PDB file of N, CA and C in Angstrom:
ATOM      1  N   MET A   1      25.896  80.003 -64.851  1.00  0.00           N
ATOM      2  CA  MET A   1      27.208  79.733 -65.409  1.00  0.00           C
ATOM      3  C   MET A   1      27.121  79.607 -66.933  1.00  0.00           C
ATOM      4  N   TRP A   2      26.089  78.916 -67.427  1.00  0.00           N
ATOM      5  CA  TRP A   2      25.955  78.749 -68.875  1.00  0.00           C
ATOM      6  C   TRP A   2      25.806  80.100 -69.571  1.00  0.00           C
ATOM      7  N   LYS A   3      25.027  81.005 -68.962  1.00  0.00           N
ATOM      8  CA  LYS A   3      24.839  82.317 -69.578  1.00  0.00           C
ATOM      9  C   LYS A   3      26.155  83.088 -69.634  1.00  0.00           C
ATOM     10  N   ARG A   4      26.933  83.011 -68.575  1.00  0.00           N
ATOM     11  CA  ARG A   4      28.208  83.723 -68.571  1.00  0.00           C
ATOM     12  C   ARG A   4      29.152  83.138 -69.601  1.00  0.00           C
ATOM     13  N   TRP A   5      29.228  81.805 -69.704  1.00  0.00           N
ATOM     14  CA  TRP A   5      30.101  81.163 -70.693  1.00  0.00           C
ATOM     15  C   TRP A   5      29.664  81.518 -72.101  1.00  0.00           C
ATOM     16  N   ARG A   6      28.357  81.492 -72.352  1.00  0.00           N
ATOM     17  CA  ARG A   6      27.855  81.804 -73.683  1.00  0.00           C
ATOM     18  C   ARG A   6      28.126  83.264 -74.036  1.00  0.00           C
ATOM     19  N   ARG A   7      27.994  84.155 -73.077  1.00  0.00           N
ATOM     20  CA  ARG A   7      28.235  85.573 -73.318  1.00  0.00           C
ATOM     21  C   ARG A   7      29.695  85.811 -73.672  1.00  0.00           C
ATOM     22  N   ARG A   8      30.612  85.116 -72.991  1.00  0.00           N
ATOM     23  CA  ARG A   8      32.035  85.299 -73.273  1.00  0.00           C
ATOM     24  C   ARG A   8      32.454  84.619 -74.567  1.00  0.00           C
ATOM     25  N   SER A   9      31.957  83.426 -74.825  1.00  0.00           N
ATOM     26  CA  SER A   9      32.437  82.671 -75.975  1.00  0.00           C
ATOM     27  C   SER A   9      31.760  83.090 -77.279  1.00  0.00           C
ATOM     28  N   MET A  10      30.537  83.591 -77.217  1.00  0.00           N
ATOM     29  CA  MET A  10      29.820  83.959 -78.432  1.00  0.00           C
ATOM     30  C   MET A  10      29.980  85.442 -78.763  1.00  0.00           C
ATOM     31  N   ALA A  11      30.649  86.181 -77.903  1.00  0.00           N
ATOM     32  CA  ALA A  11      30.822  87.609 -78.133  1.00  0.00           C
ATOM     33  C   ALA A  11      31.802  87.839 -79.279  1.00  0.00           C
ATOM     34  N   PRO A  12      31.650  88.932 -80.006  1.00  0.00           N
ATOM     35  CA  PRO A  12      32.628  89.236 -81.069  1.00  0.00           C
ATOM     36  C   PRO A  12      34.000  89.448 -80.450  1.00  0.00           C
ATOM     37  N   SER A  13      34.996  88.865 -81.054  1.00  0.00           N
ATOM     38  CA  SER A  13      36.336  88.914 -80.469  1.00  0.00           C
ATOM     39  C   SER A  13      37.232  89.872 -81.240  1.00  0.00           C
ATOM     40  N   ARG A  14      38.319  90.237 -80.615  1.00  0.00           N
ATOM     41  CA  ARG A  14      39.317  91.084 -81.263  1.00  0.00           C
ATOM     42  C   ARG A  14      40.062  90.262 -82.307  1.00  0.00           C
ATOM     43  N   PRO A  15      40.595  90.907 -83.323  1.00  0.00           N
ATOM     44  CA  PRO A  15      41.438  90.176 -84.268  1.00  0.00           C
ATOM     45  C   PRO A  15      42.736  89.741 -83.586  1.00  0.00           C
ATOM     46  N   ALA A  16      43.318  88.661 -84.060  1.00  0.00           N
ATOM     47  CA  ALA A  16      44.562  88.168 -83.460  1.00  0.00           C
ATOM     48  C   ALA A  16      45.695  89.165 -83.668  1.00  0.00           C
ATOM     49  N   VAL A  17      45.735  89.776 -84.851  1.00  0.00           N
ATOM     50  CA  VAL A  17      46.777  90.752 -85.173  1.00  0.00           C
ATOM     51  C   VAL A  17      46.105  91.957 -85.821  1.00  0.00           C
ATOM     52  N   PHE A  18      46.391  93.123 -85.294  1.00  0.00           N
ATOM     53  CA  PHE A  18      45.867  94.345 -85.899  1.00  0.00           C
ATOM     54  C   PHE A  18      46.711  94.707 -87.117  1.00  0.00           C
ATOM     55  N   PRO A  19      46.143  95.419 -88.073  1.00  0.00           N
ATOM     56  CA  PRO A  19      46.881  95.720 -89.316  1.00  0.00           C
ATOM     57  C   PRO A  19      48.213  96.434 -89.088  1.00  0.00           C
ATOM     58  N   GLU A  20      48.311  97.282 -88.087  1.00  0.00           N
ATOM     59  CA  GLU A  20      49.582  97.991 -87.864  1.00  0.00           C
ATOM     60  C   GLU A  20      50.642  97.093 -87.228  1.00  0.00           C
ATOM     61  N   GLN A  21      50.302  95.864 -86.876  1.00  0.00           N
ATOM     62  CA  GLN A  21      51.268  94.947 -86.264  1.00  0.00           C
ATOM     63  C   GLN A  21      51.824  93.928 -87.247  1.00  0.00           C
ATOM     64  N   TYR A  22      51.413  93.971 -88.517  1.00  0.00           N
ATOM     65  CA  TYR A  22      51.870  92.975 -89.485  1.00  0.00           C
ATOM     66  C   TYR A  22      53.387  92.981 -89.641  1.00  0.00           C
ATOM     67  N   GLY A  23      54.003  94.139 -89.659  1.00  0.00           N
ATOM     68  CA  GLY A  23      55.459  94.215 -89.785  1.00  0.00           C
ATOM     69  C   GLY A  23      56.158  93.543 -88.620  1.00  0.00           C
ATOM     70  N   LEU A  24      55.672  93.793 -87.417  1.00  0.00           N
ATOM     71  CA  LEU A  24      56.262  93.190 -86.221  1.00  0.00           C
ATOM     72  C   LEU A  24      56.122  91.675 -86.253  1.00  0.00           C
ATOM     73  N   VAL A  25      54.975  91.192 -86.715  1.00  0.00           N
ATOM     74  CA  VAL A  25      54.757  89.748 -86.795  1.00  0.00           C
ATOM     75  C   VAL A  25      55.717  89.129 -87.814  1.00  0.00           C
ATOM     76  N   LEU A  26      55.890  89.784 -88.966  1.00  0.00           N
ATOM     77  CA  LEU A  26      56.808  89.249 -89.979  1.00  0.00           C
ATOM     78  C   LEU A  26      58.240  89.200 -89.465  1.00  0.00           C
ATOM     79  N   VAL A  27      58.683  90.258 -88.794  1.00  0.00           N
ATOM     80  CA  VAL A  27      60.038  90.274 -88.242  1.00  0.00           C
ATOM     81  C   VAL A  27      60.196  89.195 -87.174  1.00  0.00           C
ATOM     82  N   SER A  28      59.204  89.025 -86.323  1.00  0.00           N
ATOM     83  CA  SER A  28      59.274  88.025 -85.259  1.00  0.00           C
ATOM     84  C   SER A  28      59.327  86.609 -85.831  1.00  0.00           C
ATOM     85  N   VAL A  29      58.476  86.330 -86.818  1.00  0.00           N
ATOM     86  CA  VAL A  29      58.473  85.004 -87.435  1.00  0.00           C
ATOM     87  C   VAL A  29      59.793  84.751 -88.145  1.00  0.00           C
ATOM     88  N   GLY A  30      60.311  85.762 -88.818  1.00  0.00           N
ATOM     89  CA  GLY A  30      61.603  85.621 -89.487  1.00  0.00           C
ATOM     90  C   GLY A  30      62.728  85.334 -88.505  1.00  0.00           C
ATOM     91  N   ALA A  31      62.721  86.004 -87.358  1.00  0.00           N
ATOM     92  CA  ALA A  31      63.755  85.777 -86.347  1.00  0.00           C
ATOM     93  C   ALA A  31      63.660  84.365 -85.771  1.00  0.00           C
ATOM     94  N   VAL A  32      62.455  83.878 -85.542  1.00  0.00           N
ATOM     95  CA  VAL A  32      62.290  82.517 -85.011  1.00  0.00           C
ATOM     96  C   VAL A  32      62.766  81.494 -86.037  1.00  0.00           C
ATOM     97  N   ILE A  33      62.405  81.676 -87.293  1.00  0.00           N
ATOM     98  CA  ILE A  33      62.837  80.743 -88.341  1.00  0.00           C
ATOM     99  C   ILE A  33      64.350  80.776 -88.497  1.00  0.00           C
ATOM    100  N   ALA A  34      64.935  81.976 -88.490  1.00  0.00           N
ATOM    101  CA  ALA A  34      66.386  82.090 -88.608  1.00  0.00           C
ATOM    102  C   ALA A  34      67.088  81.411 -87.427  1.00  0.00           C
ATOM    103  N   GLY A  35      66.541  81.547 -86.242  1.00  0.00           N
ATOM    104  CA  GLY A  35      67.130  80.893 -85.078  1.00  0.00           C
ATOM    105  C   GLY A  35      67.052  79.378 -85.181  1.00  0.00           C
ATOM    106  N   CYS A  36      65.926  78.866 -85.655  1.00  0.00           N
ATOM    107  CA  CYS A  36      65.792  77.415 -85.824  1.00  0.00           C
ATOM    108  C   CYS A  36      66.754  76.892 -86.876  1.00  0.00           C
ATOM    109  N   VAL A  37      66.899  77.635 -87.970  1.00  0.00           N
ATOM    110  CA  VAL A  37      67.834  77.226 -89.021  1.00  0.00           C
ATOM    111  C   VAL A  37      69.258  77.245 -88.488  1.00  0.00           C
ATOM    112  N   LEU A  38      69.613  78.256 -87.726  1.00  0.00           N
ATOM    113  CA  LEU A  38      70.962  78.345 -87.160  1.00  0.00           C
ATOM    114  C   LEU A  38      71.236  77.188 -86.203  1.00  0.00           C
ATOM    115  N   VAL A  39      70.306  76.869 -85.350  1.00  0.00           N
ATOM    116  CA  VAL A  39      70.490  75.756 -84.410  1.00  0.00           C
ATOM    117  C   VAL A  39      70.610  74.437 -85.178  1.00  0.00           C
ATOM    118  N   ALA A  40      69.774  74.233 -86.190  1.00  0.00           N
ATOM    119  CA  ALA A  40      69.844  73.001 -86.980  1.00  0.00           C
ATOM    120  C   ALA A  40      71.184  72.919 -87.690  1.00  0.00           C
ATOM    121  N   TYR A  41      71.649  74.030 -88.244  1.00  0.00           N
ATOM    122  CA  TYR A  41      72.947  74.042 -88.943  1.00  0.00           C
ATOM    123  C   TYR A  41      74.082  73.693 -87.977  1.00  0.00           C
ATOM    124  N   LEU A  42      74.048  74.299 -86.794  1.00  0.00           N
ATOM    125  CA  LEU A  42      75.106  74.035 -85.820  1.00  0.00           C
ATOM    126  C   LEU A  42      75.073  72.590 -85.321  1.00  0.00           C
ATOM    127  N   LEU A  43      73.892  72.016 -85.188  1.00  0.00           N
ATOM    128  CA  LEU A  43      73.792  70.630 -84.733  1.00  0.00           C
ATOM    129  C   LEU A  43      74.270  69.670 -85.825  1.00  0.00           C
ATOM    130  N   ILE A  44      73.949  69.976 -87.063  1.00  0.00           N
ATOM    131  CA  ILE A  44      74.330  69.073 -88.173  1.00  0.00           C
ATOM    132  C   ILE A  44      75.818  69.172 -88.458  1.00  0.00           C
ATOM    133  N   SER A  45      76.374  70.389 -88.379  1.00  0.00           N
ATOM    134  CA  SER A  45      77.783  70.555 -88.738  1.00  0.00           C
ATOM    135  C   SER A  45      78.717  70.137 -87.600  1.00  0.00           C
ATOM    136  N   ALA A  46      78.221  69.956 -86.410  1.00  0.00           N
ATOM    137  CA  ALA A  46      79.092  69.632 -85.277  1.00  0.00           C
ATOM    138  C   ALA A  46      79.556  68.188 -85.310  1.00  0.00           C
TER     139      ALA A  46
END
């Protein structure tokens, strides 16, 4: 079991985001932030 865990955890891993996905990540983060701001605005103004 230790050998299998070490092989999986010490192996080189994939990057979290590939370079061609940076645009998608920026749009997604922007949409989440905009949604949070909209919900906060609606809660405060109500």
